[in-house]
Amino acid sequence: MRLTLHADYALRTLMYLGLRPDRLASIQEIAAAHRISENHLTKVVHRLGRAGFIETLRGRGGGLRLARPAEAINIGAVVRATEDDLALLVCFNPDGTPAGDGLEGGGCIIAGACRLRSVLAEALDAFLAVLDSKTLADLLGPLRRPMAERLGVPLERA
């Protein structure tokens, strides 16, 4: 399984904001730090805001910030909110759950007799279970300082 750029950029944006939770950041600032497209990041930020992970403040002095503490942002929830399709095969629904048997919707002719679907459903469940066990704070963890240095984000002194 491979996450889309949308999910990747969403996680990078949250990590950037999590490095300095008391400071607003701009899309331009985050895009420059990660060397990614501002246009694509704008769409990602919009989705993160709709999903309740970040707050966006408009106008002069506006910017982006986390909507809640890093410890309260679940990585599995972020991936589910930013991935449109978790289907590993044609015999899965877009949310990653096994679909019905047969050929409806371009399905597979052996779907009713194949065990691959159940094995991959179990694998996807395990993958999501690991993500569900992690928070944004876990991603920042002990590598907070080196990450901030690579992104050019000054950390406040404690």
C-alpha atoms as a PDB file:
ATOM      1  CA  MET A   1       0.000   0.000   0.000  1.00  0.00           C
ATOM      2  CA  ARG A   2       1.175   3.491  -0.761  1.00  0.00           C
ATOM      3  CA  LEU A   3      -0.237   6.691   0.692  1.00  0.00           C
ATOM      4  CA  THR A   4      -1.053   9.482  -1.732  1.00  0.00           C
ATOM      5  CA  LEU A   5       0.795  12.802  -1.797  1.00  0.00           C
ATOM      6  CA  HIS A   6      -2.338  14.284  -0.233  1.00  0.00           C
ATOM      7  CA  ALA A   7      -1.922  12.175   2.927  1.00  0.00           C
ATOM      8  CA  ASP A   8       1.851  12.693   2.901  1.00  0.00           C
ATOM      9  CA  TYR A   9       1.466  16.490   2.701  1.00  0.00           C
ATOM     10  CA  ALA A  10      -1.223  16.405   5.391  1.00  0.00           C
ATOM     11  CA  LEU A  11       1.087  14.592   7.798  1.00  0.00           C
ATOM     12  CA  ARG A  12       3.996  16.899   6.961  1.00  0.00           C
ATOM     13  CA  THR A  13       1.777  19.947   7.536  1.00  0.00           C
ATOM     14  CA  LEU A  14       0.633  18.648  10.920  1.00  0.00           C
ATOM     15  CA  MET A  15       4.219  17.867  11.939  1.00  0.00           C
ATOM     16  CA  TYR A  16       5.324  21.360  10.923  1.00  0.00           C
ATOM     17  CA  LEU A  17       2.508  22.948  12.923  1.00  0.00           C
ATOM     18  CA  GLY A  18       3.210  20.594  15.823  1.00  0.00           C
ATOM     19  CA  LEU A  19       6.798  21.781  16.105  1.00  0.00           C
ATOM     20  CA  ARG A  20       5.597  25.235  17.189  1.00  0.00           C
ATOM     21  CA  PRO A  21       2.004  24.873  18.377  1.00  0.00           C
ATOM     22  CA  ASP A  22       1.854  28.390  19.838  1.00  0.00           C
ATOM     23  CA  ARG A  23       2.741  30.111  16.572  1.00  0.00           C
ATOM     24  CA  LEU A  24       0.749  30.613  13.368  1.00  0.00           C
ATOM     25  CA  ALA A  25       2.237  29.416  10.085  1.00  0.00           C
ATOM     26  CA  SER A  26       1.364  30.129   6.469  1.00  0.00           C
ATOM     27  CA  ILE A  27       0.865  27.749   3.569  1.00  0.00           C
ATOM     28  CA  GLN A  28       3.769  29.456   1.820  1.00  0.00           C
ATOM     29  CA  GLU A  29       6.033  28.906   4.822  1.00  0.00           C
ATOM     30  CA  ILE A  30       5.147  25.196   5.104  1.00  0.00           C
ATOM     31  CA  ALA A  31       5.452  24.632   1.351  1.00  0.00           C
ATOM     32  CA  ALA A  32       8.864  26.305   1.262  1.00  0.00           C
ATOM     33  CA  ALA A  33      10.140  24.334   4.255  1.00  0.00           C
ATOM     34  CA  HIS A  34       9.075  20.997   2.743  1.00  0.00           C
ATOM     35  CA  ARG A  35       9.816  22.055  -0.854  1.00  0.00           C
ATOM     36  CA  ILE A  36       6.317  21.125  -2.005  1.00  0.00           C
ATOM     37  CA  SER A  37       3.671  22.765  -4.194  1.00  0.00           C
ATOM     38  CA  GLU A  38       1.706  25.609  -2.585  1.00  0.00           C
ATOM     39  CA  ASN A  39      -1.267  24.856  -4.842  1.00  0.00           C
ATOM     40  CA  HIS A  40      -1.449  21.236  -3.739  1.00  0.00           C
ATOM     41  CA  LEU A  41      -0.841  22.195  -0.116  1.00  0.00           C
ATOM     42  CA  THR A  42      -3.759  24.649  -0.233  1.00  0.00           C
ATOM     43  CA  LYS A  43      -6.113  21.744  -1.017  1.00  0.00           C
ATOM     44  CA  VAL A  44      -4.572  19.655   1.757  1.00  0.00           C
ATOM     45  CA  VAL A  45      -4.945  22.473   4.297  1.00  0.00           C
ATOM     46  CA  HIS A  46      -8.574  22.949   3.296  1.00  0.00           C
ATOM     47  CA  ARG A  47      -9.290  19.274   3.918  1.00  0.00           C
ATOM     48  CA  LEU A  48      -7.404  19.261   7.239  1.00  0.00           C
ATOM     49  CA  GLY A  49      -9.461  22.255   8.330  1.00  0.00           C
ATOM     50  CA  ARG A  50     -12.773  20.640   7.333  1.00  0.00           C
ATOM     51  CA  ALA A  51     -11.755  17.489   9.217  1.00  0.00           C
ATOM     52  CA  GLY A  52     -11.016  19.505  12.375  1.00  0.00           C
ATOM     53  CA  PHE A  53      -7.268  18.893  12.607  1.00  0.00           C
ATOM     54  CA  ILE A  54      -6.215  22.501  12.007  1.00  0.00           C
ATOM     55  CA  GLU A  55      -7.676  25.952  12.396  1.00  0.00           C
ATOM     56  CA  THR A  56      -7.303  28.531   9.674  1.00  0.00           C
ATOM     57  CA  LEU A  57      -7.386  32.211  10.549  1.00  0.00           C
ATOM     58  CA  ARG A  58      -7.968  34.632   7.678  1.00  0.00           C
ATOM     59  CA  GLY A  59      -6.845  38.165   7.201  1.00  0.00           C
ATOM     60  CA  ARG A  60      -3.890  40.185   8.352  1.00  0.00           C
ATOM     61  CA  GLY A  61      -2.015  38.274  11.032  1.00  0.00           C
ATOM     62  CA  GLY A  62      -3.814  35.066  10.043  1.00  0.00           C
ATOM     63  CA  GLY A  63      -2.384  31.654   9.420  1.00  0.00           C
ATOM     64  CA  LEU A  64      -2.667  28.017  10.398  1.00  0.00           C
ATOM     65  CA  ARG A  65      -2.375  26.204  13.692  1.00  0.00           C
ATOM     66  CA  LEU A  66      -3.317  22.877  15.190  1.00  0.00           C
ATOM     67  CA  ALA A  67      -6.959  22.708  16.258  1.00  0.00           C
ATOM     68  CA  ARG A  68      -6.032  20.572  19.275  1.00  0.00           C
ATOM     69  CA  PRO A  69      -2.895  19.377  21.061  1.00  0.00           C
ATOM     70  CA  ALA A  70      -0.578  17.025  19.181  1.00  0.00           C
ATOM     71  CA  GLU A  71      -1.399  14.299  21.711  1.00  0.00           C
ATOM     72  CA  ALA A  72      -5.050  14.456  20.598  1.00  0.00           C
ATOM     73  CA  ILE A  73      -4.417  14.116  16.858  1.00  0.00           C
ATOM     74  CA  ASN A  74      -4.618  10.459  15.868  1.00  0.00           C
ATOM     75  CA  ILE A  75      -2.559   9.459  12.830  1.00  0.00           C
ATOM     76  CA  GLY A  76      -5.023   6.773  11.725  1.00  0.00           C
ATOM     77  CA  ALA A  77      -7.802   9.366  11.702  1.00  0.00           C
ATOM     78  CA  VAL A  78      -5.653  11.715   9.617  1.00  0.00           C
ATOM     79  CA  VAL A  79      -4.928   8.995   7.049  1.00  0.00           C
ATOM     80  CA  ARG A  80      -8.597   8.023   6.824  1.00  0.00           C
ATOM     81  CA  ALA A  81      -9.581  11.684   6.398  1.00  0.00           C
ATOM     82  CA  THR A  82      -7.022  12.348   3.669  1.00  0.00           C
ATOM     83  CA  GLU A  83      -7.061   9.121   1.660  1.00  0.00           C
ATOM     84  CA  ASP A  84     -10.017   8.890  -0.712  1.00  0.00           C
ATOM     85  CA  ASP A  85      -9.474   5.233  -1.461  1.00  0.00           C
ATOM     86  CA  LEU A  86      -8.071   2.569   0.852  1.00  0.00           C
ATOM     87  CA  ALA A  87      -9.154  -0.218  -1.503  1.00  0.00           C
ATOM     88  CA  LEU A  88      -6.236  -2.565  -2.046  1.00  0.00           C
ATOM     89  CA  LEU A  89      -7.955  -4.500  -4.860  1.00  0.00           C
ATOM     90  CA  VAL A  90     -11.038  -4.166  -7.056  1.00  0.00           C
ATOM     91  CA  CYS A  91     -12.901  -6.421  -4.614  1.00  0.00           C
ATOM     92  CA  PHE A  92     -12.676  -3.743  -1.886  1.00  0.00           C
ATOM     93  CA  ASN A  93     -14.840  -0.706  -1.291  1.00  0.00           C
ATOM     94  CA  PRO A  94     -13.046   2.676  -1.333  1.00  0.00           C
ATOM     95  CA  ASP A  95     -12.968   2.689   2.498  1.00  0.00           C
ATOM     96  CA  GLY A  96     -10.930  -0.524   2.450  1.00  0.00           C
ATOM     97  CA  THR A  97     -13.698  -2.912   3.497  1.00  0.00           C
ATOM     98  CA  PRO A  98     -14.290  -6.046   1.390  1.00  0.00           C
ATOM     99  CA  ALA A  99     -16.903  -5.564  -1.341  1.00  0.00           C
ATOM    100  CA  GLY A 100     -19.554  -8.035  -2.441  1.00  0.00           C
ATOM    101  CA  ASP A 101     -18.789 -11.104  -4.514  1.00  0.00           C
ATOM    102  CA  GLY A 102     -19.050 -11.098  -8.278  1.00  0.00           C
ATOM    103  CA  LEU A 103     -18.386  -8.655 -11.058  1.00  0.00           C
ATOM    104  CA  GLU A 104     -20.508  -5.671 -10.043  1.00  0.00           C
ATOM    105  CA  GLY A 105     -18.606  -2.427 -10.424  1.00  0.00           C
ATOM    106  CA  GLY A 106     -15.767  -4.084 -12.359  1.00  0.00           C
ATOM    107  CA  GLY A 107     -15.064  -6.631  -9.642  1.00  0.00           C
ATOM    108  CA  CYS A 108     -13.139  -9.870  -9.857  1.00  0.00           C
ATOM    109  CA  ILE A 109     -14.545 -13.103 -11.277  1.00  0.00           C
ATOM    110  CA  ILE A 110     -12.971 -15.239  -8.498  1.00  0.00           C
ATOM    111  CA  ALA A 111     -14.012 -12.944  -5.615  1.00  0.00           C
ATOM    112  CA  GLY A 112     -16.369 -15.477  -4.022  1.00  0.00           C
ATOM    113  CA  ALA A 113     -13.759 -18.234  -4.073  1.00  0.00           C
ATOM    114  CA  CYS A 114     -10.590 -16.269  -3.340  1.00  0.00           C
ATOM    115  CA  ARG A 115      -8.901 -15.862   0.052  1.00  0.00           C
ATOM    116  CA  LEU A 116      -6.658 -13.003  -1.045  1.00  0.00           C
ATOM    117  CA  ARG A 117      -9.333 -10.457  -0.187  1.00  0.00           C
ATOM    118  CA  SER A 118      -9.567 -11.633   3.437  1.00  0.00           C
ATOM    119  CA  VAL A 119      -5.774 -11.730   3.815  1.00  0.00           C
ATOM    120  CA  LEU A 120      -5.415  -8.195   2.452  1.00  0.00           C
ATOM    121  CA  ALA A 121      -8.321  -6.971   4.595  1.00  0.00           C
ATOM    122  CA  GLU A 122      -6.489  -8.351   7.639  1.00  0.00           C
ATOM    123  CA  ALA A 123      -3.258  -6.661   6.520  1.00  0.00           C
ATOM    124  CA  LEU A 124      -5.024  -3.314   6.015  1.00  0.00           C
ATOM    125  CA  ASP A 125      -6.646  -3.633   9.451  1.00  0.00           C
ATOM    126  CA  ALA A 126      -3.199  -4.237  10.983  1.00  0.00           C
ATOM    127  CA  PHE A 127      -1.733  -1.260   9.109  1.00  0.00           C
ATOM    128  CA  LEU A 128      -4.526   1.027  10.313  1.00  0.00           C
ATOM    129  CA  ALA A 129      -4.308  -0.377  13.852  1.00  0.00           C
ATOM    130  CA  VAL A 130      -0.662   0.727  14.049  1.00  0.00           C
ATOM    131  CA  LEU A 131      -1.582   4.204  12.791  1.00  0.00           C
ATOM    132  CA  ASP A 132      -4.497   4.308  15.248  1.00  0.00           C
ATOM    133  CA  SER A 133      -2.053   3.665  18.089  1.00  0.00           C
ATOM    134  CA  LYS A 134       0.021   6.762  17.223  1.00  0.00           C
ATOM    135  CA  THR A 135      -0.529  10.473  17.671  1.00  0.00           C
ATOM    136  CA  LEU A 136       1.092  13.522  16.177  1.00  0.00           C
ATOM    137  CA  ALA A 137       3.070  13.847  19.426  1.00  0.00           C
ATOM    138  CA  ASP A 138       4.522  10.369  18.759  1.00  0.00           C
ATOM    139  CA  LEU A 139       5.705  11.488  15.317  1.00  0.00           C
ATOM    140  CA  LEU A 140       7.406  14.549  16.756  1.00  0.00           C
ATOM    141  CA  GLY A 141       8.901  12.745  19.739  1.00  0.00           C
ATOM    142  CA  PRO A 142      12.637  12.787  20.460  1.00  0.00           C
ATOM    143  CA  LEU A 143      13.566  13.896  16.924  1.00  0.00           C
ATOM    144  CA  ARG A 144      11.762  17.222  17.312  1.00  0.00           C
ATOM    145  CA  ARG A 145      14.966  19.287  17.319  1.00  0.00           C
ATOM    146  CA  PRO A 146      16.653  17.655  14.270  1.00  0.00           C
ATOM    147  CA  MET A 147      13.366  17.811  12.357  1.00  0.00           C
ATOM    148  CA  ALA A 148      12.959  21.494  13.173  1.00  0.00           C
ATOM    149  CA  GLU A 149      16.553  22.199  12.121  1.00  0.00           C
ATOM    150  CA  ARG A 150      16.076  20.482   8.751  1.00  0.00           C
ATOM    151  CA  LEU A 151      12.890  22.449   8.135  1.00  0.00           C
ATOM    152  CA  GLY A 152      14.424  25.721   9.311  1.00  0.00           C
ATOM    153  CA  VAL A 153      11.904  26.070  12.135  1.00  0.00           C
ATOM    154  CA  PRO A 154      13.361  27.734  15.223  1.00  0.00           C
ATOM    155  CA  LEU A 155      12.123  26.131  18.425  1.00  0.00           C
ATOM    156  CA  GLU A 156      11.344  28.227  21.466  1.00  0.00           C
ATOM    157  CA  ARG A 157      13.758  27.794  24.320  1.00  0.00           C
ATOM    158  CA  ALA A 158      12.347  25.926  27.278  1.00  0.00           C
END
